[in-house]
């Protein structure tokens, strides 16, 4: 998955239009980890 797609995924999960362009400084594996952590946190909060 590209960095841009990962950042769009983060925006979608968080339901926000905040400018996350600063995240492009992260590597793809770092962004993948961030997405996984956010999904886990959102899932836990929903329970």
PDB file of N, CA and C in Angstrom:
ATOM      1  N   UNK A   1       0.855  -1.177   0.000  1.00  0.00           N
ATOM      2  CA  UNK A   1       0.000   0.000   0.000  1.00  0.00           C
ATOM      3  C   UNK A   1       0.901   1.240   0.000  1.00  0.00           C
ATOM      4  N   UNK A   2       0.497   2.260  -0.736  1.00  0.00           N
ATOM      5  CA  UNK A   2       1.314   3.471  -0.819  1.00  0.00           C
ATOM      6  C   UNK A   2       1.109   4.341   0.423  1.00  0.00           C
ATOM      7  N   UNK A   3       2.048   5.238   0.633  1.00  0.00           N
ATOM      8  CA  UNK A   3       1.936   6.173   1.764  1.00  0.00           C
ATOM      9  C   UNK A   3       0.654   6.978   1.671  1.00  0.00           C
ATOM     10  N   UNK A   4       0.352   7.432   0.466  1.00  0.00           N
ATOM     11  CA  UNK A   4      -0.845   8.256   0.277  1.00  0.00           C
ATOM     12  C   UNK A   4      -2.108   7.483   0.641  1.00  0.00           C
ATOM     13  N   UNK A   5      -2.156   6.236   0.235  1.00  0.00           N
ATOM     14  CA  UNK A   5      -3.329   5.400   0.538  1.00  0.00           C
ATOM     15  C   UNK A   5      -3.412   5.130   2.038  1.00  0.00           C
ATOM     16  N   UNK A   6      -2.296   4.895   2.679  1.00  0.00           N
ATOM     17  CA  UNK A   6      -2.289   4.677   4.123  1.00  0.00           C
ATOM     18  C   UNK A   6      -2.780   5.916   4.862  1.00  0.00           C
ATOM     19  N   UNK A   7      -2.351   7.087   4.419  1.00  0.00           N
ATOM     20  CA  UNK A   7      -2.789   8.337   5.054  1.00  0.00           C
ATOM     21  C   UNK A   7      -4.285   8.536   4.832  1.00  0.00           C
ATOM     22  N   UNK A   8      -4.772   8.214   3.643  1.00  0.00           N
ATOM     23  CA  UNK A   8      -6.215   8.305   3.383  1.00  0.00           C
ATOM     24  C   UNK A   8      -6.985   7.318   4.264  1.00  0.00           C
ATOM     25  N   UNK A   9      -6.419   6.161   4.511  1.00  0.00           N
ATOM     26  CA  UNK A   9      -7.044   5.175   5.396  1.00  0.00           C
ATOM     27  C   UNK A   9      -7.146   5.722   6.808  1.00  0.00           C
ATOM     28  N   UNK A  10      -6.100   6.375   7.273  1.00  0.00           N
ATOM     29  CA  UNK A  10      -6.115   6.983   8.607  1.00  0.00           C
ATOM     30  C   UNK A  10      -7.212   8.040   8.681  1.00  0.00           C
ATOM     31  N   UNK A  11      -7.297   8.875   7.660  1.00  0.00           N
ATOM     32  CA  UNK A  11      -8.345   9.907   7.635  1.00  0.00           C
ATOM     33  C   UNK A  11      -9.733   9.287   7.686  1.00  0.00           C
ATOM     34  N   UNK A  12      -9.910   8.199   6.943  1.00  0.00           N
ATOM     35  CA  UNK A  12     -11.219   7.535   6.902  1.00  0.00           C
ATOM     36  C   UNK A  12     -11.559   6.914   8.246  1.00  0.00           C
ATOM     37  N   UNK A  13     -10.596   6.239   8.853  1.00  0.00           N
ATOM     38  CA  UNK A  13     -10.832   5.610  10.153  1.00  0.00           C
ATOM     39  C   UNK A  13     -11.195   6.657  11.201  1.00  0.00           C
ATOM     40  N   UNK A  14     -10.486   7.780  11.185  1.00  0.00           N
ATOM     41  CA  UNK A  14     -10.719   8.836  12.169  1.00  0.00           C
ATOM     42  C   UNK A  14     -11.858   9.775  11.769  1.00  0.00           C
ATOM     43  N   UNK A  15     -12.369   9.590  10.541  1.00  0.00           N
ATOM     44  CA  UNK A  15     -13.470  10.408  10.030  1.00  0.00           C
ATOM     45  C   UNK A  15     -13.153  11.901  10.152  1.00  0.00           C
ATOM     46  N   UNK A  16     -12.029  12.293   9.535  1.00  0.00           N
ATOM     47  CA  UNK A  16     -11.571  13.679   9.621  1.00  0.00           C
ATOM     48  C   UNK A  16     -10.953  14.131   8.305  1.00  0.00           C
ATOM     49  N   UNK A  17     -10.914  15.431   8.114  1.00  0.00           N
ATOM     50  CA  UNK A  17     -10.258  16.014   6.949  1.00  0.00           C
ATOM     51  C   UNK A  17      -8.982  16.751   7.347  1.00  0.00           C
ATOM     52  N   UNK A  18      -8.459  16.450   8.508  1.00  0.00           N
ATOM     53  CA  UNK A  18      -7.238  17.087   8.995  1.00  0.00           C
ATOM     54  C   UNK A  18      -6.088  16.789   8.029  1.00  0.00           C
ATOM     55  N   UNK A  19      -5.212  17.750   7.837  1.00  0.00           N
ATOM     56  CA  UNK A  19      -4.058  17.583   6.960  1.00  0.00           C
ATOM     57  C   UNK A  19      -3.006  16.727   7.661  1.00  0.00           C
ATOM     58  N   UNK A  20      -2.877  15.505   7.215  1.00  0.00           N
ATOM     59  CA  UNK A  20      -1.895  14.587   7.781  1.00  0.00           C
ATOM     60  C   UNK A  20      -0.677  14.444   6.882  1.00  0.00           C
ATOM     61  N   UNK A  21      -0.396  15.442   6.053  1.00  0.00           N
ATOM     62  CA  UNK A  21       0.730  15.348   5.121  1.00  0.00           C
ATOM     63  C   UNK A  21       2.069  15.165   5.851  1.00  0.00           C
ATOM     64  N   UNK A  22       2.138  15.590   7.093  1.00  0.00           N
ATOM     65  CA  UNK A  22       3.376  15.399   7.863  1.00  0.00           C
ATOM     66  C   UNK A  22       3.703  13.915   8.034  1.00  0.00           C
ATOM     67  N   UNK A  23       2.689  13.066   7.877  1.00  0.00           N
ATOM     68  CA  UNK A  23       2.916  11.633   8.020  1.00  0.00           C
ATOM     69  C   UNK A  23       3.715  11.045   6.862  1.00  0.00           C
ATOM     70  N   UNK A  24       3.863  11.795   5.774  1.00  0.00           N
ATOM     71  CA  UNK A  24       4.651  11.294   4.648  1.00  0.00           C
ATOM     72  C   UNK A  24       6.126  11.123   5.024  1.00  0.00           C
ATOM     73  N   UNK A  25       6.522  11.709   6.136  1.00  0.00           N
ATOM     74  CA  UNK A  25       7.901  11.546   6.612  1.00  0.00           C
ATOM     75  C   UNK A  25       8.147  10.141   7.163  1.00  0.00           C
ATOM     76  N   UNK A  26       7.065   9.445   7.506  1.00  0.00           N
ATOM     77  CA  UNK A  26       7.189   8.084   8.024  1.00  0.00           C
ATOM     78  C   UNK A  26       7.391   7.099   6.876  1.00  0.00           C
ATOM     79  N   UNK A  27       7.983   5.966   7.173  1.00  0.00           N
ATOM     80  CA  UNK A  27       8.124   4.916   6.170  1.00  0.00           C
ATOM     81  C   UNK A  27       6.792   4.178   6.031  1.00  0.00           C
ATOM     82  N   UNK A  28       6.637   3.425   4.952  1.00  0.00           N
ATOM     83  CA  UNK A  28       5.407   2.657   4.768  1.00  0.00           C
ATOM     84  C   UNK A  28       5.164   1.678   5.916  1.00  0.00           C
ATOM     85  N   UNK A  29       6.193   0.935   6.365  1.00  0.00           N
ATOM     86  CA  UNK A  29       5.950   0.041   7.503  1.00  0.00           C
ATOM     87  C   UNK A  29       5.516   0.791   8.769  1.00  0.00           C
ATOM     88  N   UNK A  30       6.065   1.981   8.981  1.00  0.00           N
ATOM     89  CA  UNK A  30       5.656   2.778  10.144  1.00  0.00           C
ATOM     90  C   UNK A  30       4.198   3.216  10.011  1.00  0.00           C
ATOM     91  N   UNK A  31       3.803   3.615   8.801  1.00  0.00           N
ATOM     92  CA  UNK A  31       2.412   4.007   8.571  1.00  0.00           C
ATOM     93  C   UNK A  31       1.473   2.812   8.731  1.00  0.00           C
ATOM     94  N   UNK A  32       1.890   1.653   8.267  1.00  0.00           N
ATOM     95  CA  UNK A  32       1.080   0.444   8.423  1.00  0.00           C
ATOM     96  C   UNK A  32       0.873   0.130   9.903  1.00  0.00           C
ATOM     97  N   UNK A  33       1.916   0.285  10.687  1.00  0.00           N
ATOM     98  CA  UNK A  33       1.812   0.075  12.127  1.00  0.00           C
ATOM     99  C   UNK A  33       0.859   1.071  12.758  1.00  0.00           C
ATOM    100  N   UNK A  34       0.965   2.322  12.342  1.00  0.00           N
ATOM    101  CA  UNK A  34       0.075   3.367  12.854  1.00  0.00           C
ATOM    102  C   UNK A  34      -1.376   3.061  12.521  1.00  0.00           C
ATOM    103  N   UNK A  35      -1.652   2.649  11.293  1.00  0.00           N
ATOM    104  CA  UNK A  35      -3.014   2.296  10.895  1.00  0.00           C
ATOM    105  C   UNK A  35      -3.535   1.149  11.757  1.00  0.00           C
ATOM    106  N   UNK A  36      -2.722   0.137  11.960  1.00  0.00           N
ATOM    107  CA  UNK A  36      -3.134  -1.003  12.777  1.00  0.00           C
ATOM    108  C   UNK A  36      -3.440  -0.579  14.210  1.00  0.00           C
ATOM    109  N   UNK A  37      -2.614   0.281  14.770  1.00  0.00           N
ATOM    110  CA  UNK A  37      -2.829   0.755  16.140  1.00  0.00           C
ATOM    111  C   UNK A  37      -4.102   1.592  16.250  1.00  0.00           C
ATOM    112  N   UNK A  38      -4.342   2.439  15.256  1.00  0.00           N
ATOM    113  CA  UNK A  38      -5.551   3.263  15.262  1.00  0.00           C
ATOM    114  C   UNK A  38      -6.786   2.373  15.153  1.00  0.00           C
ATOM    115  N   UNK A  39      -6.755   1.402  14.231  1.00  0.00           N
ATOM    116  CA  UNK A  39      -7.894   0.482  14.078  1.00  0.00           C
ATOM    117  C   UNK A  39      -8.166  -0.256  15.378  1.00  0.00           C
ATOM    118  N   UNK A  40      -7.107  -0.730  16.025  1.00  0.00           N
ATOM    119  CA  UNK A  40      -7.262  -1.451  17.285  1.00  0.00           C
ATOM    120  C   UNK A  40      -7.896  -0.549  18.346  1.00  0.00           C
ATOM    121  N   UNK A  41      -7.425   0.685  18.445  1.00  0.00           N
ATOM    122  CA  UNK A  41      -7.962   1.620  19.422  1.00  0.00           C
ATOM    123  C   UNK A  41      -9.418   1.961  19.157  1.00  0.00           C
ATOM    124  N   UNK A  42      -9.750   2.158  17.889  1.00  0.00           N
ATOM    125  CA  UNK A  42     -11.137   2.465  17.526  1.00  0.00           C
ATOM    126  C   UNK A  42     -12.032   1.264  17.830  1.00  0.00           C
ATOM    127  N   UNK A  43     -11.549   0.077  17.498  1.00  0.00           N
ATOM    128  CA  UNK A  43     -12.329  -1.138  17.775  1.00  0.00           C
ATOM    129  C   UNK A  43     -12.583  -1.295  19.281  1.00  0.00           C
ATOM    130  N   UNK A  44     -11.561  -1.062  20.068  1.00  0.00           N
ATOM    131  CA  UNK A  44     -11.727  -1.198  21.525  1.00  0.00           C
ATOM    132  C   UNK A  44     -12.672  -0.135  22.079  1.00  0.00           C
ATOM    133  N   UNK A  45     -12.615   1.064  21.552  1.00  0.00           N
ATOM    134  CA  UNK A  45     -13.468   2.145  22.022  1.00  0.00           C
ATOM    135  C   UNK A  45     -14.932   1.895  21.666  1.00  0.00           C
ATOM    136  N   UNK A  46     -15.153   1.154  20.590  1.00  0.00           N
ATOM    137  CA  UNK A  46     -16.511   0.874  20.137  1.00  0.00           C
ATOM    138  C   UNK A  46     -17.206  -0.188  20.981  1.00  0.00           C
ATOM    139  N   UNK A  47     -16.446  -0.906  21.770  1.00  0.00           N
ATOM    140  CA  UNK A  47     -17.028  -2.002  22.577  1.00  0.00           C
ATOM    141  C   UNK A  47     -17.565  -1.518  23.887  1.00  0.00           C
TER     142      UNK A  47
END
